[in-house]
Amino acid sequence: MKPTFEETGDVLPEGRIKYIHGVGLVAKVKFVPNSKNPYSGVLKGFNNGIIRLSLAKPADQSKKSA
């Protein structure tokens, strides 16, 4: 793990294999909190965000929907 944490860019170091969370999707999101939300800052809500969803197992082991 040390080489990955010391990398300055957003690409895995050469030769490193990504065993989990290797396949994912990225999407734009809007966060609309509950009207009784007592929080401020980012938890107050936002119009533009990015989220990444991925599996913690190889994609070929995931269940396919009918």
PDB file of N, CA and C in Angstrom:
ATOM      1  N   MET A   1       0.807  -1.199   0.000  1.00  0.00           N
ATOM      2  CA  MET A   1       0.000   0.000   0.000  1.00  0.00           C
ATOM      3  C   MET A   1       0.854   1.269   0.000  1.00  0.00           C
ATOM      4  N   LYS A   2       2.033   1.206   0.558  1.00  0.00           N
ATOM      5  CA  LYS A   2       2.851   2.409   0.681  1.00  0.00           C
ATOM      6  C   LYS A   2       3.067   3.116  -0.660  1.00  0.00           C
ATOM      7  N   PRO A   3       3.420   2.403  -1.752  1.00  0.00           N
ATOM      8  CA  PRO A   3       3.606   3.121  -3.030  1.00  0.00           C
ATOM      9  C   PRO A   3       2.348   3.857  -3.485  1.00  0.00           C
ATOM     10  N   THR A   4       1.179   3.285  -3.241  1.00  0.00           N
ATOM     11  CA  THR A   4      -0.063   3.938  -3.645  1.00  0.00           C
ATOM     12  C   THR A   4      -0.279   5.234  -2.872  1.00  0.00           C
ATOM     13  N   PHE A   5      -0.047   5.214  -1.564  1.00  0.00           N
ATOM     14  CA  PHE A   5      -0.247   6.405  -0.748  1.00  0.00           C
ATOM     15  C   PHE A   5       0.794   7.489  -1.017  1.00  0.00           C
ATOM     16  N   GLU A   6       1.953   7.095  -1.495  1.00  0.00           N
ATOM     17  CA  GLU A   6       3.000   8.071  -1.793  1.00  0.00           C
ATOM     18  C   GLU A   6       2.888   8.632  -3.208  1.00  0.00           C
ATOM     19  N   GLU A   7       2.024   8.059  -4.043  1.00  0.00           N
ATOM     20  CA  GLU A   7       1.850   8.536  -5.426  1.00  0.00           C
ATOM     21  C   GLU A   7       1.256   9.941  -5.417  1.00  0.00           C
ATOM     22  N   THR A   8       1.780  10.830  -6.232  1.00  0.00           N
ATOM     23  CA  THR A   8       1.289  12.206  -6.254  1.00  0.00           C
ATOM     24  C   THR A   8       0.155  12.418  -7.252  1.00  0.00           C
ATOM     25  N   GLY A   9      -0.047  11.496  -8.171  1.00  0.00           N
ATOM     26  CA  GLY A   9      -1.101  11.642  -9.169  1.00  0.00           C
ATOM     27  C   GLY A   9      -2.330  10.816  -8.818  1.00  0.00           C
ATOM     28  N   ASP A  10      -3.265  10.745  -9.759  1.00  0.00           N
ATOM     29  CA  ASP A  10      -4.496   9.998  -9.521  1.00  0.00           C
ATOM     30  C   ASP A  10      -4.527   8.687 -10.307  1.00  0.00           C
ATOM     31  N   VAL A  11      -3.354   8.157 -10.653  1.00  0.00           N
ATOM     32  CA  VAL A  11      -3.233   6.905 -11.379  1.00  0.00           C
ATOM     33  C   VAL A  11      -2.426   5.940 -10.512  1.00  0.00           C
ATOM     34  N   LEU A  12      -2.829   4.655 -10.513  1.00  0.00           N
ATOM     35  CA  LEU A  12      -2.071   3.668  -9.747  1.00  0.00           C
ATOM     36  C   LEU A  12      -0.633   3.602 -10.236  1.00  0.00           C
ATOM     37  N   PRO A  13       0.312   3.365  -9.324  1.00  0.00           N
ATOM     38  CA  PRO A  13       1.705   3.216  -9.751  1.00  0.00           C
ATOM     39  C   PRO A  13       1.833   2.044 -10.732  1.00  0.00           C
ATOM     40  N   GLU A  14       2.773   2.129 -11.653  1.00  0.00           N
ATOM     41  CA  GLU A  14       2.970   1.082 -12.658  1.00  0.00           C
ATOM     42  C   GLU A  14       3.227  -0.263 -11.984  1.00  0.00           C
ATOM     43  N   GLY A  15       2.539  -1.283 -12.456  1.00  0.00           N
ATOM     44  CA  GLY A  15       2.709  -2.622 -11.901  1.00  0.00           C
ATOM     45  C   GLY A  15       1.766  -2.952 -10.753  1.00  0.00           C
ATOM     46  N   ARG A  16       1.075  -1.978 -10.223  1.00  0.00           N
ATOM     47  CA  ARG A  16       0.149  -2.220  -9.105  1.00  0.00           C
ATOM     48  C   ARG A  16      -1.194  -2.679  -9.660  1.00  0.00           C
ATOM     49  N   ILE A  17      -1.763  -3.732  -9.078  1.00  0.00           N
ATOM     50  CA  ILE A  17      -3.048  -4.272  -9.510  1.00  0.00           C
ATOM     51  C   ILE A  17      -4.126  -3.843  -8.523  1.00  0.00           C
ATOM     52  N   LYS A  18      -5.237  -3.376  -9.030  1.00  0.00           N
ATOM     53  CA  LYS A  18      -6.364  -2.956  -8.188  1.00  0.00           C
ATOM     54  C   LYS A  18      -7.278  -4.168  -7.997  1.00  0.00           C
ATOM     55  N   TYR A  19      -7.242  -4.781  -6.830  1.00  0.00           N
ATOM     56  CA  TYR A  19      -7.974  -6.015  -6.569  1.00  0.00           C
ATOM     57  C   TYR A  19      -9.439  -5.778  -6.194  1.00  0.00           C
ATOM     58  N   ILE A  20      -9.735  -4.700  -5.475  1.00  0.00           N
ATOM     59  CA  ILE A  20     -11.122  -4.410  -5.113  1.00  0.00           C
ATOM     60  C   ILE A  20     -11.498  -3.020  -5.612  1.00  0.00           C
ATOM     61  N   HIS A  21     -12.758  -2.797  -5.826  1.00  0.00           N
ATOM     62  CA  HIS A  21     -13.272  -1.516  -6.324  1.00  0.00           C
ATOM     63  C   HIS A  21     -12.627  -1.125  -7.653  1.00  0.00           C
ATOM     64  N   GLY A  22     -12.297  -2.123  -8.471  1.00  0.00           N
ATOM     65  CA  GLY A  22     -11.632  -1.870  -9.737  1.00  0.00           C
ATOM     66  C   GLY A  22     -12.563  -1.386 -10.838  1.00  0.00           C
ATOM     67  N   VAL A  23     -13.852  -1.669 -10.705  1.00  0.00           N
ATOM     68  CA  VAL A  23     -14.827  -1.256 -11.706  1.00  0.00           C
ATOM     69  C   VAL A  23     -15.844  -0.361 -11.016  1.00  0.00           C
ATOM     70  N   GLY A  24     -16.131   0.793 -11.582  1.00  0.00           N
ATOM     71  CA  GLY A  24     -17.091   1.693 -10.954  1.00  0.00           C
ATOM     72  C   GLY A  24     -17.708   2.648 -11.965  1.00  0.00           C
ATOM     73  N   LEU A  25     -18.681   3.372 -11.492  1.00  0.00           N
ATOM     74  CA  LEU A  25     -19.365   4.382 -12.300  1.00  0.00           C
ATOM     75  C   LEU A  25     -19.276   5.722 -11.595  1.00  0.00           C
ATOM     76  N   VAL A  26     -19.226   6.783 -12.365  1.00  0.00           N
ATOM     77  CA  VAL A  26     -19.185   8.141 -11.824  1.00  0.00           C
ATOM     78  C   VAL A  26     -20.411   8.878 -12.352  1.00  0.00           C
ATOM     79  N   ALA A  27     -21.054   9.655 -11.485  1.00  0.00           N
ATOM     80  CA  ALA A  27     -22.254  10.387 -11.897  1.00  0.00           C
ATOM     81  C   ALA A  27     -22.315  11.740 -11.202  1.00  0.00           C
ATOM     82  N   LYS A  28     -23.002  12.685 -11.847  1.00  0.00           N
ATOM     83  CA  LYS A  28     -23.272  13.969 -11.208  1.00  0.00           C
ATOM     84  C   LYS A  28     -24.442  13.778 -10.253  1.00  0.00           C
ATOM     85  N   VAL A  29     -24.404  14.450  -9.109  1.00  0.00           N
ATOM     86  CA  VAL A  29     -25.477  14.317  -8.123  1.00  0.00           C
ATOM     87  C   VAL A  29     -25.907  15.686  -7.591  1.00  0.00           C
ATOM     88  N   LYS A  30     -27.112  15.711  -7.069  1.00  0.00           N
ATOM     89  CA  LYS A  30     -27.650  16.859  -6.347  1.00  0.00           C
ATOM     90  C   LYS A  30     -28.110  16.308  -4.999  1.00  0.00           C
ATOM     91  N   PHE A  31     -27.684  16.926  -3.907  1.00  0.00           N
ATOM     92  CA  PHE A  31     -28.050  16.459  -2.570  1.00  0.00           C
ATOM     93  C   PHE A  31     -29.150  17.354  -2.007  1.00  0.00           C
ATOM     94  N   VAL A  32     -30.321  16.769  -1.800  1.00  0.00           N
ATOM     95  CA  VAL A  32     -31.462  17.491  -1.238  1.00  0.00           C
ATOM     96  C   VAL A  32     -31.762  16.882   0.125  1.00  0.00           C
ATOM     97  N   PRO A  33     -31.404  17.561   1.211  1.00  0.00           N
ATOM     98  CA  PRO A  33     -31.606  16.994   2.544  1.00  0.00           C
ATOM     99  C   PRO A  33     -33.070  17.056   2.983  1.00  0.00           C
ATOM    100  N   ASN A  34     -33.368  16.315   4.020  1.00  0.00           N
ATOM    101  CA  ASN A  34     -34.675  16.354   4.666  1.00  0.00           C
ATOM    102  C   ASN A  34     -34.942  17.784   5.144  1.00  0.00           C
ATOM    103  N   SER A  35     -36.174  18.229   5.104  1.00  0.00           N
ATOM    104  CA  SER A  35     -36.496  19.609   5.490  1.00  0.00           C
ATOM    105  C   SER A  35     -36.188  19.890   6.963  1.00  0.00           C
ATOM    106  N   LYS A  36     -36.061  18.863   7.792  1.00  0.00           N
ATOM    107  CA  LYS A  36     -35.751  19.038   9.229  1.00  0.00           C
ATOM    108  C   LYS A  36     -34.260  18.903   9.512  1.00  0.00           C
ATOM    109  N   ASN A  37     -33.437  18.915   8.480  1.00  0.00           N
ATOM    110  CA  ASN A  37     -31.996  18.786   8.614  1.00  0.00           C
ATOM    111  C   ASN A  37     -31.422  19.962   9.415  1.00  0.00           C
ATOM    112  N   PRO A  38     -30.771  19.708  10.573  1.00  0.00           N
ATOM    113  CA  PRO A  38     -30.212  20.794  11.386  1.00  0.00           C
ATOM    114  C   PRO A  38     -28.785  21.185  10.998  1.00  0.00           C
ATOM    115  N   TYR A  39     -28.213  20.546   9.981  1.00  0.00           N
ATOM    116  CA  TYR A  39     -26.808  20.739   9.657  1.00  0.00           C
ATOM    117  C   TYR A  39     -26.571  21.919   8.713  1.00  0.00           C
ATOM    118  N   SER A  40     -25.315  22.348   8.655  1.00  0.00           N
ATOM    119  CA  SER A  40     -24.921  23.437   7.751  1.00  0.00           C
ATOM    120  C   SER A  40     -23.811  22.926   6.845  1.00  0.00           C
ATOM    121  N   GLY A  41     -23.251  23.795   6.051  1.00  0.00           N
ATOM    122  CA  GLY A  41     -22.161  23.410   5.163  1.00  0.00           C
ATOM    123  C   GLY A  41     -22.649  22.455   4.090  1.00  0.00           C
ATOM    124  N   VAL A  42     -21.810  21.492   3.726  1.00  0.00           N
ATOM    125  CA  VAL A  42     -22.148  20.562   2.656  1.00  0.00           C
ATOM    126  C   VAL A  42     -23.372  19.715   3.021  1.00  0.00           C
ATOM    127  N   LEU A  43     -23.611  19.472   4.316  1.00  0.00           N
ATOM    128  CA  LEU A  43     -24.776  18.681   4.725  1.00  0.00           C
ATOM    129  C   LEU A  43     -26.079  19.463   4.630  1.00  0.00           C
ATOM    130  N   LYS A  44     -25.997  20.750   4.344  1.00  0.00           N
ATOM    131  CA  LYS A  44     -27.200  21.568   4.145  1.00  0.00           C
ATOM    132  C   LYS A  44     -27.791  21.321   2.761  1.00  0.00           C
ATOM    133  N   GLY A  45     -26.972  20.763   1.876  1.00  0.00           N
ATOM    134  CA  GLY A  45     -27.413  20.449   0.522  1.00  0.00           C
ATOM    135  C   GLY A  45     -26.530  21.126  -0.501  1.00  0.00           C
ATOM    136  N   PHE A  46     -26.536  20.593  -1.711  1.00  0.00           N
ATOM    137  CA  PHE A  46     -25.771  21.188  -2.796  1.00  0.00           C
ATOM    138  C   PHE A  46     -26.378  20.780  -4.124  1.00  0.00           C
ATOM    139  N   ASN A  47     -26.131  21.580  -5.149  1.00  0.00           N
ATOM    140  CA  ASN A  47     -26.679  21.331  -6.478  1.00  0.00           C
ATOM    141  C   ASN A  47     -25.765  20.525  -7.386  1.00  0.00           C
ATOM    142  N   ASN A  48     -24.463  20.626  -7.202  1.00  0.00           N
ATOM    143  CA  ASN A  48     -23.516  19.966  -8.101  1.00  0.00           C
ATOM    144  C   ASN A  48     -22.484  19.176  -7.314  1.00  0.00           C
ATOM    145  N   GLY A  49     -22.470  17.882  -7.526  1.00  0.00           N
ATOM    146  CA  GLY A  49     -21.490  17.027  -6.892  1.00  0.00           C
ATOM    147  C   GLY A  49     -21.165  15.864  -7.805  1.00  0.00           C
ATOM    148  N   ILE A  50     -20.144  15.103  -7.434  1.00  0.00           N
ATOM    149  CA  ILE A  50     -19.760  13.904  -8.186  1.00  0.00           C
ATOM    150  C   ILE A  50     -19.678  12.761  -7.192  1.00  0.00           C
ATOM    151  N   ILE A  51     -20.230  11.605  -7.592  1.00  0.00           N
ATOM    152  CA  ILE A  51     -20.197  10.425  -6.750  1.00  0.00           C
ATOM    153  C   ILE A  51     -19.646   9.266  -7.566  1.00  0.00           C
ATOM    154  N   ARG A  52     -18.935   8.361  -6.908  1.00  0.00           N
ATOM    155  CA  ARG A  52     -18.436   7.150  -7.566  1.00  0.00           C
ATOM    156  C   ARG A  52     -18.976   5.957  -6.811  1.00  0.00           C
ATOM    157  N   LEU A  53     -19.615   5.047  -7.529  1.00  0.00           N
ATOM    158  CA  LEU A  53     -20.143   3.817  -6.960  1.00  0.00           C
ATOM    159  C   LEU A  53     -19.364   2.653  -7.553  1.00  0.00           C
ATOM    160  N   SER A  54     -18.986   1.691  -6.705  1.00  0.00           N
ATOM    161  CA  SER A  54     -18.226   0.551  -7.195  1.00  0.00           C
ATOM    162  C   SER A  54     -18.534  -0.683  -6.367  1.00  0.00           C
ATOM    163  N   LEU A  55     -18.120  -1.828  -6.880  1.00  0.00           N
ATOM    164  CA  LEU A  55     -18.279  -3.100  -6.190  1.00  0.00           C
ATOM    165  C   LEU A  55     -16.983  -3.461  -5.483  1.00  0.00           C
ATOM    166  N   ALA A  56     -17.098  -4.167  -4.357  1.00  0.00           N
ATOM    167  CA  ALA A  56     -15.913  -4.610  -3.631  1.00  0.00           C
ATOM    168  C   ALA A  56     -15.548  -6.036  -4.021  1.00  0.00           C
ATOM    169  N   LYS A  57     -16.010  -6.491  -5.158  1.00  0.00           N
ATOM    170  CA  LYS A  57     -15.674  -7.810  -5.692  1.00  0.00           C
ATOM    171  C   LYS A  57     -15.570  -7.675  -7.203  1.00  0.00           C
ATOM    172  N   PRO A  58     -14.955  -8.650  -7.849  1.00  0.00           N
ATOM    173  CA  PRO A  58     -14.834  -8.558  -9.310  1.00  0.00           C
ATOM    174  C   PRO A  58     -16.195  -8.431  -9.981  1.00  0.00           C
ATOM    175  N   ALA A  59     -16.270  -7.647 -11.029  1.00  0.00           N
ATOM    176  CA  ALA A  59     -17.536  -7.389 -11.707  1.00  0.00           C
ATOM    177  C   ALA A  59     -18.159  -8.653 -12.268  1.00  0.00           C
ATOM    178  N   ASP A  60     -17.353  -9.635 -12.673  1.00  0.00           N
ATOM    179  CA  ASP A  60     -17.910 -10.848 -13.244  1.00  0.00           C
ATOM    180  C   ASP A  60     -18.609 -11.734 -12.202  1.00  0.00           C
ATOM    181  N   GLN A  61     -18.459 -11.426 -10.911  1.00  0.00           N
ATOM    182  CA  GLN A  61     -19.135 -12.187  -9.861  1.00  0.00           C
ATOM    183  C   GLN A  61     -20.441 -11.533  -9.433  1.00  0.00           C
ATOM    184  N   SER A  62     -20.744 -10.359  -9.939  1.00  0.00           N
ATOM    185  CA  SER A  62     -21.954  -9.667  -9.539  1.00  0.00           C
ATOM    186  C   SER A  62     -23.177 -10.322 -10.171  1.00  0.00           C
ATOM    187  N   LYS A  63     -24.295 -10.229  -9.500  1.00  0.00           N
ATOM    188  CA  LYS A  63     -25.544 -10.790 -10.007  1.00  0.00           C
ATOM    189  C   LYS A  63     -26.066  -9.930 -11.138  1.00  0.00           C
ATOM    190  N   LYS A  64     -26.561 -10.564 -12.180  1.00  0.00           N
ATOM    191  CA  LYS A  64     -27.149  -9.829 -13.295  1.00  0.00           C
ATOM    192  C   LYS A  64     -28.630  -9.752 -13.067  1.00  0.00           C
ATOM    193  N   SER A  65     -29.219  -8.566 -13.285  1.00  0.00           N
ATOM    194  CA  SER A  65     -30.656  -8.409 -13.106  1.00  0.00           C
ATOM    195  C   SER A  65     -31.389  -9.034 -14.295  1.00  0.00           C
ATOM    196  N   ALA A  66     -32.585  -9.562 -14.000  1.00  0.00           N
ATOM    197  CA  ALA A  66     -33.359 -10.249 -15.042  1.00  0.00           C
ATOM    198  C   ALA A  66     -34.033  -9.294 -15.977  1.00  0.00           C
TER     199      ALA A  66
END
